[in-house]
Amino acid sequence: MNIVILSAHGTFTRIQKGDKKVNRRRLHAIDAEIKLSRDIHELKGELKRTVFILDACDVGARVGEFRKAANALGVIGFSQTVDWADSAIFVLALLLHIQTQGIFQKPESDARALVRHLVDDLRQGTYKSLAKALGLEVAWADS
């Protein structure tokens, strides 16, 4: 399993393109803009074992659609405008739980189930109010 954290200033909009609405996710770095909604299609098929953490304002909206476009194992993101410290606390808590549980030493199927369980525990337990304030959204390959 791979965990990829994308962290920067972010924006999310839905635009009309022809007869359908499409998502536009962007990360704004000092030296460039990453167009996630466009660029992720170039990696499709390479991300089946990857969990993305979209650690940026708004880009975590509608994560199910991003997960499908990436064909990723999972996506965790924030759909609200977030305070950097708040999102960092949540992501670091998740990473600490992942490390403590030894996720990367476990068989693939066990690791997947455990990551899902850890995210649910954080969302419903100690970090419930923080997850709500961040607009935590989660999507998994088999849900």
N, C-alpha and C. Protein backbone atom coordinates (compact mmCIF):
# COMPACT_ATOMS: atom_id res chain seq x y z
N MET A 1 0.84 -1.17 0.00
CA MET A 1 0.00 0.00 0.00
C MET A 1 0.89 1.23 0.00
N ASN A 2 0.45 2.24 -0.74
CA ASN A 2 1.13 3.52 -0.80
C ASN A 2 0.21 4.58 -0.20
N ILE A 3 0.79 5.51 0.51
CA ILE A 3 0.03 6.67 0.99
C ILE A 3 0.69 7.89 0.39
N VAL A 4 -0.10 8.67 -0.35
CA VAL A 4 0.39 9.88 -1.00
C VAL A 4 -0.35 11.07 -0.39
N ILE A 5 0.41 11.99 0.17
CA ILE A 5 -0.18 13.19 0.77
C ILE A 5 0.08 14.37 -0.16
N LEU A 6 -0.99 15.00 -0.59
CA LEU A 6 -0.89 16.20 -1.42
C LEU A 6 -1.34 17.38 -0.56
N SER A 7 -0.39 18.25 -0.26
CA SER A 7 -0.66 19.33 0.68
C SER A 7 -0.22 20.67 0.09
N ALA A 8 -1.16 21.59 -0.05
CA ALA A 8 -0.88 22.93 -0.58
C ALA A 8 -2.17 23.73 -0.43
N HIS A 9 -2.15 24.97 -0.89
CA HIS A 9 -3.41 25.71 -0.97
C HIS A 9 -4.22 25.07 -2.08
N GLY A 10 -5.51 24.92 -1.87
CA GLY A 10 -6.30 24.23 -2.87
C GLY A 10 -7.61 24.93 -3.18
N THR A 11 -8.16 24.58 -4.35
CA THR A 11 -9.48 25.07 -4.75
C THR A 11 -10.24 23.93 -5.42
N PHE A 12 -11.54 23.99 -5.30
CA PHE A 12 -12.41 23.02 -5.95
C PHE A 12 -13.60 23.78 -6.52
N THR A 13 -13.88 23.55 -7.78
CA THR A 13 -15.08 24.11 -8.40
C THR A 13 -15.68 23.06 -9.32
N ARG A 14 -16.95 23.21 -9.62
CA ARG A 14 -17.61 22.38 -10.62
C ARG A 14 -17.97 23.30 -11.76
N ILE A 15 -17.60 22.91 -12.97
CA ILE A 15 -17.86 23.73 -14.13
C ILE A 15 -18.69 22.95 -15.14
N GLN A 16 -19.39 23.68 -15.96
CA GLN A 16 -20.16 23.07 -17.04
C GLN A 16 -19.23 22.87 -18.23
N LYS A 17 -19.15 21.65 -18.70
CA LYS A 17 -18.33 21.33 -19.87
C LYS A 17 -19.22 20.54 -20.82
N GLY A 18 -19.68 21.22 -21.86
CA GLY A 18 -20.64 20.58 -22.76
C GLY A 18 -21.95 20.34 -22.04
N ASP A 19 -22.39 19.10 -22.05
CA ASP A 19 -23.67 18.78 -21.42
C ASP A 19 -23.53 18.19 -20.01
N LYS A 20 -22.33 18.25 -19.44
CA LYS A 20 -22.15 17.71 -18.08
C LYS A 20 -21.30 18.63 -17.21
N LYS A 21 -21.43 18.43 -15.91
CA LYS A 21 -20.61 19.18 -14.95
C LYS A 21 -19.38 18.35 -14.63
N VAL A 22 -18.24 19.01 -14.56
CA VAL A 22 -17.00 18.33 -14.23
C VAL A 22 -16.35 19.03 -13.04
N ASN A 23 -15.54 18.27 -12.32
CA ASN A 23 -14.84 18.80 -11.16
C ASN A 23 -13.52 19.42 -11.59
N ARG A 24 -13.16 20.50 -10.93
CA ARG A 24 -11.86 21.13 -11.17
C ARG A 24 -11.19 21.30 -9.81
N ARG A 25 -10.17 20.44 -9.57
CA ARG A 25 -9.39 20.48 -8.33
C ARG A 25 -8.01 21.01 -8.65
N ARG A 26 -7.58 21.99 -7.88
CA ARG A 26 -6.25 22.56 -8.13
C ARG A 26 -5.51 22.76 -6.82
N LEU A 27 -4.23 22.46 -6.87
CA LEU A 27 -3.33 22.78 -5.77
C LEU A 27 -2.46 23.93 -6.23
N HIS A 28 -2.32 24.94 -5.40
CA HIS A 28 -1.57 26.14 -5.76
C HIS A 28 -0.30 26.19 -4.92
N ALA A 29 0.81 25.90 -5.56
CA ALA A 29 2.11 25.96 -4.89
C ALA A 29 2.80 27.27 -5.25
N ILE A 30 3.92 27.54 -4.64
CA ILE A 30 4.65 28.77 -4.88
C ILE A 30 5.10 28.88 -6.33
N ASP A 31 5.54 27.77 -6.90
CA ASP A 31 6.12 27.81 -8.23
C ASP A 31 5.26 27.23 -9.35
N ALA A 32 4.10 26.69 -9.01
CA ALA A 32 3.27 26.09 -10.06
C ALA A 32 1.87 25.79 -9.53
N GLU A 33 1.00 25.45 -10.45
CA GLU A 33 -0.34 25.01 -10.12
C GLU A 33 -0.49 23.58 -10.62
N ILE A 34 -0.98 22.71 -9.75
CA ILE A 34 -1.21 21.32 -10.13
C ILE A 34 -2.70 21.16 -10.39
N LYS A 35 -3.03 20.75 -11.58
CA LYS A 35 -4.43 20.54 -11.96
C LYS A 35 -4.77 19.08 -11.71
N LEU A 36 -5.14 18.78 -10.47
CA LEU A 36 -5.37 17.39 -10.07
C LEU A 36 -6.41 16.69 -10.93
N SER A 37 -7.50 17.35 -11.21
CA SER A 37 -8.58 16.70 -11.96
C SER A 37 -8.13 16.29 -13.35
N ARG A 38 -7.23 17.03 -13.94
CA ARG A 38 -6.72 16.70 -15.27
C ARG A 38 -5.54 15.73 -15.17
N ASP A 39 -4.59 16.04 -14.30
CA ASP A 39 -3.34 15.29 -14.23
C ASP A 39 -3.52 13.86 -13.71
N ILE A 40 -4.54 13.63 -12.88
CA ILE A 40 -4.71 12.31 -12.29
C ILE A 40 -5.03 11.25 -13.35
N HIS A 41 -5.64 11.65 -14.44
CA HIS A 41 -5.99 10.69 -15.50
C HIS A 41 -4.75 10.07 -16.14
N GLU A 42 -3.63 10.77 -16.14
CA GLU A 42 -2.40 10.25 -16.72
C GLU A 42 -1.83 9.09 -15.92
N LEU A 43 -2.23 8.97 -14.65
CA LEU A 43 -1.71 7.91 -13.78
C LEU A 43 -2.69 6.76 -13.60
N LYS A 44 -3.85 6.86 -14.21
CA LYS A 44 -4.88 5.83 -14.03
C LYS A 44 -4.30 4.45 -14.35
N GLY A 45 -4.61 3.51 -13.51
CA GLY A 45 -4.10 2.16 -13.68
C GLY A 45 -2.84 1.91 -12.87
N GLU A 46 -2.19 2.96 -12.40
CA GLU A 46 -0.96 2.84 -11.63
C GLU A 46 -1.20 3.01 -10.13
N LEU A 47 -2.44 3.27 -9.72
CA LEU A 47 -2.70 3.72 -8.35
C LEU A 47 -3.62 2.78 -7.56
N LYS A 48 -3.77 1.55 -7.98
CA LYS A 48 -4.70 0.63 -7.34
C LYS A 48 -4.36 0.33 -5.89
N ARG A 49 -3.11 0.54 -5.50
CA ARG A 49 -2.67 0.28 -4.12
C ARG A 49 -2.40 1.58 -3.36
N THR A 50 -2.93 2.70 -3.88
CA THR A 50 -2.62 4.01 -3.32
C THR A 50 -3.81 4.62 -2.60
N VAL A 51 -3.53 5.18 -1.43
CA VAL A 51 -4.50 5.98 -0.69
C VAL A 51 -3.99 7.42 -0.74
N PHE A 52 -4.81 8.30 -1.28
CA PHE A 52 -4.47 9.72 -1.34
C PHE A 52 -5.02 10.43 -0.11
N ILE A 53 -4.24 11.33 0.44
CA ILE A 53 -4.71 12.26 1.45
C ILE A 53 -4.63 13.64 0.81
N LEU A 54 -5.78 14.22 0.50
CA LEU A 54 -5.85 15.54 -0.12
C LEU A 54 -5.91 16.58 1.00
N ASP A 55 -4.75 17.02 1.41
CA ASP A 55 -4.61 17.92 2.56
C ASP A 55 -4.55 19.36 2.07
N ALA A 56 -5.70 19.85 1.63
CA ALA A 56 -5.79 21.21 1.11
C ALA A 56 -7.23 21.67 1.21
N CYS A 57 -7.42 22.97 1.26
CA CYS A 57 -8.77 23.52 1.32
C CYS A 57 -9.60 23.04 0.13
N ASP A 58 -10.78 22.58 0.42
CA ASP A 58 -11.83 22.31 -0.57
C ASP A 58 -11.59 21.15 -1.53
N VAL A 59 -10.36 20.75 -1.83
CA VAL A 59 -10.14 19.74 -2.87
C VAL A 59 -10.66 18.36 -2.50
N GLY A 60 -11.02 18.17 -1.24
CA GLY A 60 -11.58 16.89 -0.81
C GLY A 60 -13.06 16.75 -1.05
N ALA A 61 -13.69 17.75 -1.67
CA ALA A 61 -15.10 17.63 -2.00
C ALA A 61 -15.29 16.57 -3.08
N ARG A 62 -16.33 15.77 -2.93
CA ARG A 62 -16.67 14.76 -3.93
C ARG A 62 -15.51 13.79 -4.19
N VAL A 63 -14.89 13.30 -3.11
CA VAL A 63 -13.72 12.45 -3.26
C VAL A 63 -14.01 11.13 -3.97
N GLY A 64 -15.24 10.69 -3.94
CA GLY A 64 -15.58 9.46 -4.66
C GLY A 64 -15.30 9.58 -6.14
N GLU A 65 -15.57 10.74 -6.70
CA GLU A 65 -15.32 10.95 -8.12
C GLU A 65 -13.82 11.01 -8.40
N PHE A 66 -13.06 11.61 -7.51
CA PHE A 66 -11.59 11.65 -7.67
C PHE A 66 -11.02 10.24 -7.57
N ARG A 67 -11.53 9.45 -6.62
CA ARG A 67 -11.03 8.08 -6.45
C ARG A 67 -11.28 7.25 -7.71
N LYS A 68 -12.46 7.42 -8.28
CA LYS A 68 -12.78 6.68 -9.51
C LYS A 68 -11.89 7.12 -10.67
N ALA A 69 -11.69 8.42 -10.81
CA ALA A 69 -10.86 8.93 -11.90
C ALA A 69 -9.42 8.44 -11.77
N ALA A 70 -8.95 8.32 -10.53
CA ALA A 70 -7.58 7.86 -10.28
C ALA A 70 -7.48 6.34 -10.26
N ASN A 71 -8.62 5.69 -10.11
CA ASN A 71 -8.66 4.24 -9.89
C ASN A 71 -7.78 3.87 -8.69
N ALA A 72 -7.86 4.71 -7.65
CA ALA A 72 -7.06 4.53 -6.45
C ALA A 72 -7.79 3.64 -5.44
N LEU A 73 -7.02 3.12 -4.49
CA LEU A 73 -7.58 2.31 -3.41
C LEU A 73 -8.50 3.15 -2.53
N GLY A 74 -8.07 4.39 -2.24
CA GLY A 74 -8.88 5.25 -1.39
C GLY A 74 -8.45 6.70 -1.49
N VAL A 75 -9.34 7.58 -1.05
CA VAL A 75 -9.05 9.01 -1.00
C VAL A 75 -9.65 9.56 0.28
N ILE A 76 -8.84 10.34 0.98
CA ILE A 76 -9.25 11.04 2.19
C ILE A 76 -9.03 12.51 1.90
N GLY A 77 -10.04 13.34 2.10
CA GLY A 77 -9.87 14.75 1.78
C GLY A 77 -10.75 15.65 2.62
N PHE A 78 -10.49 16.93 2.50
CA PHE A 78 -11.23 17.95 3.25
C PHE A 78 -12.03 18.80 2.28
N SER A 79 -13.33 18.90 2.53
CA SER A 79 -14.21 19.64 1.63
C SER A 79 -14.47 21.07 2.07
N GLN A 80 -13.88 21.47 3.19
CA GLN A 80 -14.05 22.82 3.71
C GLN A 80 -12.76 23.62 3.56
N THR A 81 -12.87 24.93 3.72
CA THR A 81 -11.68 25.76 3.84
C THR A 81 -11.10 25.43 5.20
N VAL A 82 -9.84 24.99 5.22
CA VAL A 82 -9.26 24.47 6.45
C VAL A 82 -8.14 25.35 6.98
N ASP A 83 -8.00 25.32 8.27
CA ASP A 83 -6.86 25.94 8.92
C ASP A 83 -5.70 24.95 8.80
N TRP A 84 -4.54 25.45 8.41
CA TRP A 84 -3.40 24.57 8.18
C TRP A 84 -3.08 23.74 9.41
N ALA A 85 -3.11 24.34 10.57
CA ALA A 85 -2.78 23.61 11.80
C ALA A 85 -3.80 22.49 12.06
N ASP A 86 -5.08 22.76 11.84
CA ASP A 86 -6.11 21.74 12.06
C ASP A 86 -5.94 20.55 11.12
N SER A 87 -5.70 20.82 9.86
CA SER A 87 -5.54 19.70 8.92
C SER A 87 -4.25 18.93 9.24
N ALA A 88 -3.21 19.64 9.63
CA ALA A 88 -1.95 18.97 9.99
C ALA A 88 -2.14 18.05 11.19
N ILE A 89 -2.90 18.51 12.17
CA ILE A 89 -3.16 17.68 13.36
C ILE A 89 -3.88 16.40 12.96
N PHE A 90 -4.89 16.52 12.12
CA PHE A 90 -5.64 15.34 11.71
C PHE A 90 -4.77 14.37 10.91
N VAL A 91 -4.03 14.89 9.94
CA VAL A 91 -3.18 14.03 9.11
C VAL A 91 -2.09 13.37 9.96
N LEU A 92 -1.47 14.13 10.85
CA LEU A 92 -0.43 13.54 11.71
C LEU A 92 -1.00 12.50 12.66
N ALA A 93 -2.20 12.72 13.17
CA ALA A 93 -2.84 11.72 14.02
C ALA A 93 -3.09 10.43 13.23
N LEU A 94 -3.56 10.58 12.00
CA LEU A 94 -3.78 9.40 11.16
C LEU A 94 -2.47 8.67 10.89
N LEU A 95 -1.43 9.41 10.52
CA LEU A 95 -0.14 8.78 10.25
C LEU A 95 0.44 8.09 11.49
N LEU A 96 0.26 8.71 12.64
CA LEU A 96 0.72 8.11 13.89
C LEU A 96 -0.01 6.79 14.15
N HIS A 97 -1.32 6.79 13.94
CA HIS A 97 -2.09 5.55 14.12
C HIS A 97 -1.66 4.48 13.12
N ILE A 98 -1.41 4.89 11.90
CA ILE A 98 -0.94 3.94 10.87
C ILE A 98 0.40 3.34 11.28
N GLN A 99 1.31 4.17 11.75
CA GLN A 99 2.62 3.69 12.17
C GLN A 99 2.50 2.77 13.39
N THR A 100 1.71 3.19 14.37
CA THR A 100 1.54 2.42 15.60
C THR A 100 0.98 1.03 15.31
N GLN A 101 0.08 0.95 14.33
CA GLN A 101 -0.54 -0.34 13.98
C GLN A 101 0.33 -1.19 13.06
N GLY A 102 1.45 -0.64 12.60
CA GLY A 102 2.35 -1.41 11.73
C GLY A 102 1.72 -1.77 10.39
N ILE A 103 0.96 -0.85 9.83
CA ILE A 103 0.23 -1.10 8.58
C ILE A 103 1.14 -1.65 7.48
N PHE A 104 2.31 -1.08 7.33
CA PHE A 104 3.15 -1.45 6.19
C PHE A 104 3.83 -2.81 6.35
N GLN A 105 3.73 -3.40 7.54
CA GLN A 105 4.27 -4.74 7.75
C GLN A 105 3.19 -5.81 7.64
N LYS A 106 1.97 -5.40 7.40
CA LYS A 106 0.86 -6.34 7.35
C LYS A 106 0.57 -6.76 5.90
N PRO A 107 -0.05 -7.91 5.71
CA PRO A 107 -0.48 -8.30 4.36
C PRO A 107 -1.41 -7.23 3.78
N GLU A 108 -1.40 -7.10 2.47
CA GLU A 108 -2.15 -6.05 1.77
C GLU A 108 -3.61 -5.96 2.19
N SER A 109 -4.32 -7.06 2.21
CA SER A 109 -5.75 -7.01 2.53
C SER A 109 -5.97 -6.58 3.98
N ASP A 110 -5.13 -7.01 4.90
CA ASP A 110 -5.24 -6.59 6.30
C ASP A 110 -4.95 -5.10 6.44
N ALA A 111 -3.95 -4.62 5.72
CA ALA A 111 -3.58 -3.21 5.78
C ALA A 111 -4.72 -2.33 5.28
N ARG A 112 -5.33 -2.72 4.18
CA ARG A 112 -6.46 -1.94 3.64
C ARG A 112 -7.59 -1.83 4.66
N ALA A 113 -7.97 -2.95 5.23
CA ALA A 113 -9.07 -2.96 6.19
C ALA A 113 -8.71 -2.13 7.43
N LEU A 114 -7.46 -2.21 7.86
CA LEU A 114 -7.04 -1.49 9.06
C LEU A 114 -7.01 0.02 8.83
N VAL A 115 -6.57 0.47 7.66
CA VAL A 115 -6.57 1.91 7.36
C VAL A 115 -8.01 2.43 7.38
N ARG A 116 -8.90 1.72 6.76
CA ARG A 116 -10.32 2.13 6.77
C ARG A 116 -10.84 2.24 8.20
N HIS A 117 -10.52 1.25 9.00
CA HIS A 117 -10.95 1.23 10.40
C HIS A 117 -10.35 2.41 11.17
N LEU A 118 -9.08 2.70 10.96
CA LEU A 118 -8.42 3.81 11.65
C LEU A 118 -9.06 5.16 11.28
N VAL A 119 -9.34 5.35 10.01
CA VAL A 119 -9.97 6.59 9.57
C VAL A 119 -11.35 6.72 10.22
N ASP A 120 -12.12 5.64 10.23
CA ASP A 120 -13.45 5.68 10.86
C ASP A 120 -13.35 5.97 12.35
N ASP A 121 -12.35 5.37 13.03
CA ASP A 121 -12.16 5.63 14.45
C ASP A 121 -11.84 7.10 14.71
N LEU A 122 -10.98 7.69 13.89
CA LEU A 122 -10.64 9.10 14.07
C LEU A 122 -11.87 9.97 13.81
N ARG A 123 -12.62 9.63 12.77
CA ARG A 123 -13.79 10.42 12.39
C ARG A 123 -14.90 10.36 13.43
N GLN A 124 -15.03 9.23 14.11
CA GLN A 124 -16.13 9.06 15.05
C GLN A 124 -15.71 9.15 16.51
N GLY A 125 -14.39 9.22 16.75
CA GLY A 125 -13.91 9.22 18.13
C GLY A 125 -13.33 10.56 18.54
N THR A 126 -12.12 10.53 19.02
CA THR A 126 -11.44 11.69 19.59
C THR A 126 -11.40 12.89 18.65
N TYR A 127 -11.30 12.65 17.36
CA TYR A 127 -11.14 13.74 16.38
C TYR A 127 -12.45 14.05 15.64
N LYS A 128 -13.56 13.64 16.21
CA LYS A 128 -14.86 13.81 15.55
C LYS A 128 -15.16 15.28 15.21
N SER A 129 -14.99 16.17 16.16
CA SER A 129 -15.31 17.58 15.90
C SER A 129 -14.34 18.19 14.89
N LEU A 130 -13.09 17.77 14.95
CA LEU A 130 -12.11 18.27 13.98
C LEU A 130 -12.43 17.75 12.58
N ALA A 131 -12.77 16.48 12.47
CA ALA A 131 -13.14 15.90 11.18
C ALA A 131 -14.34 16.63 10.58
N LYS A 132 -15.30 16.96 11.43
CA LYS A 132 -16.48 17.68 10.96
C LYS A 132 -16.12 19.09 10.49
N ALA A 133 -15.28 19.79 11.25
CA ALA A 133 -14.87 21.15 10.88
C ALA A 133 -14.08 21.16 9.57
N LEU A 134 -13.30 20.12 9.34
CA LEU A 134 -12.51 20.02 8.11
C LEU A 134 -13.36 19.59 6.91
N GLY A 135 -14.53 19.06 7.19
CA GLY A 135 -15.36 18.52 6.10
C GLY A 135 -14.76 17.24 5.57
N LEU A 136 -14.32 16.37 6.48
CA LEU A 136 -13.66 15.13 6.09
C LEU A 136 -14.57 14.31 5.19
N GLU A 137 -14.05 13.92 4.04
CA GLU A 137 -14.73 13.00 3.14
C GLU A 137 -13.80 11.86 2.81
N VAL A 138 -14.35 10.67 2.69
CA VAL A 138 -13.56 9.46 2.46
C VAL A 138 -14.25 8.62 1.40
N ALA A 139 -13.46 8.05 0.50
CA ALA A 139 -14.00 7.11 -0.50
C ALA A 139 -13.03 5.95 -0.66
N TRP A 140 -13.58 4.75 -0.72
CA TRP A 140 -12.77 3.54 -0.87
C TRP A 140 -13.18 2.81 -2.14
N ALA A 141 -12.28 2.01 -2.66
CA ALA A 141 -12.49 1.32 -3.94
C ALA A 141 -13.72 0.43 -3.94
N ASP A 142 -14.02 -0.18 -2.83
CA ASP A 142 -15.14 -1.12 -2.81
C ASP A 142 -16.37 -0.55 -2.09
N SER A 143 -16.51 0.78 -2.08
CA SER A 143 -17.70 1.34 -1.44
C SER A 143 -18.42 2.27 -2.37
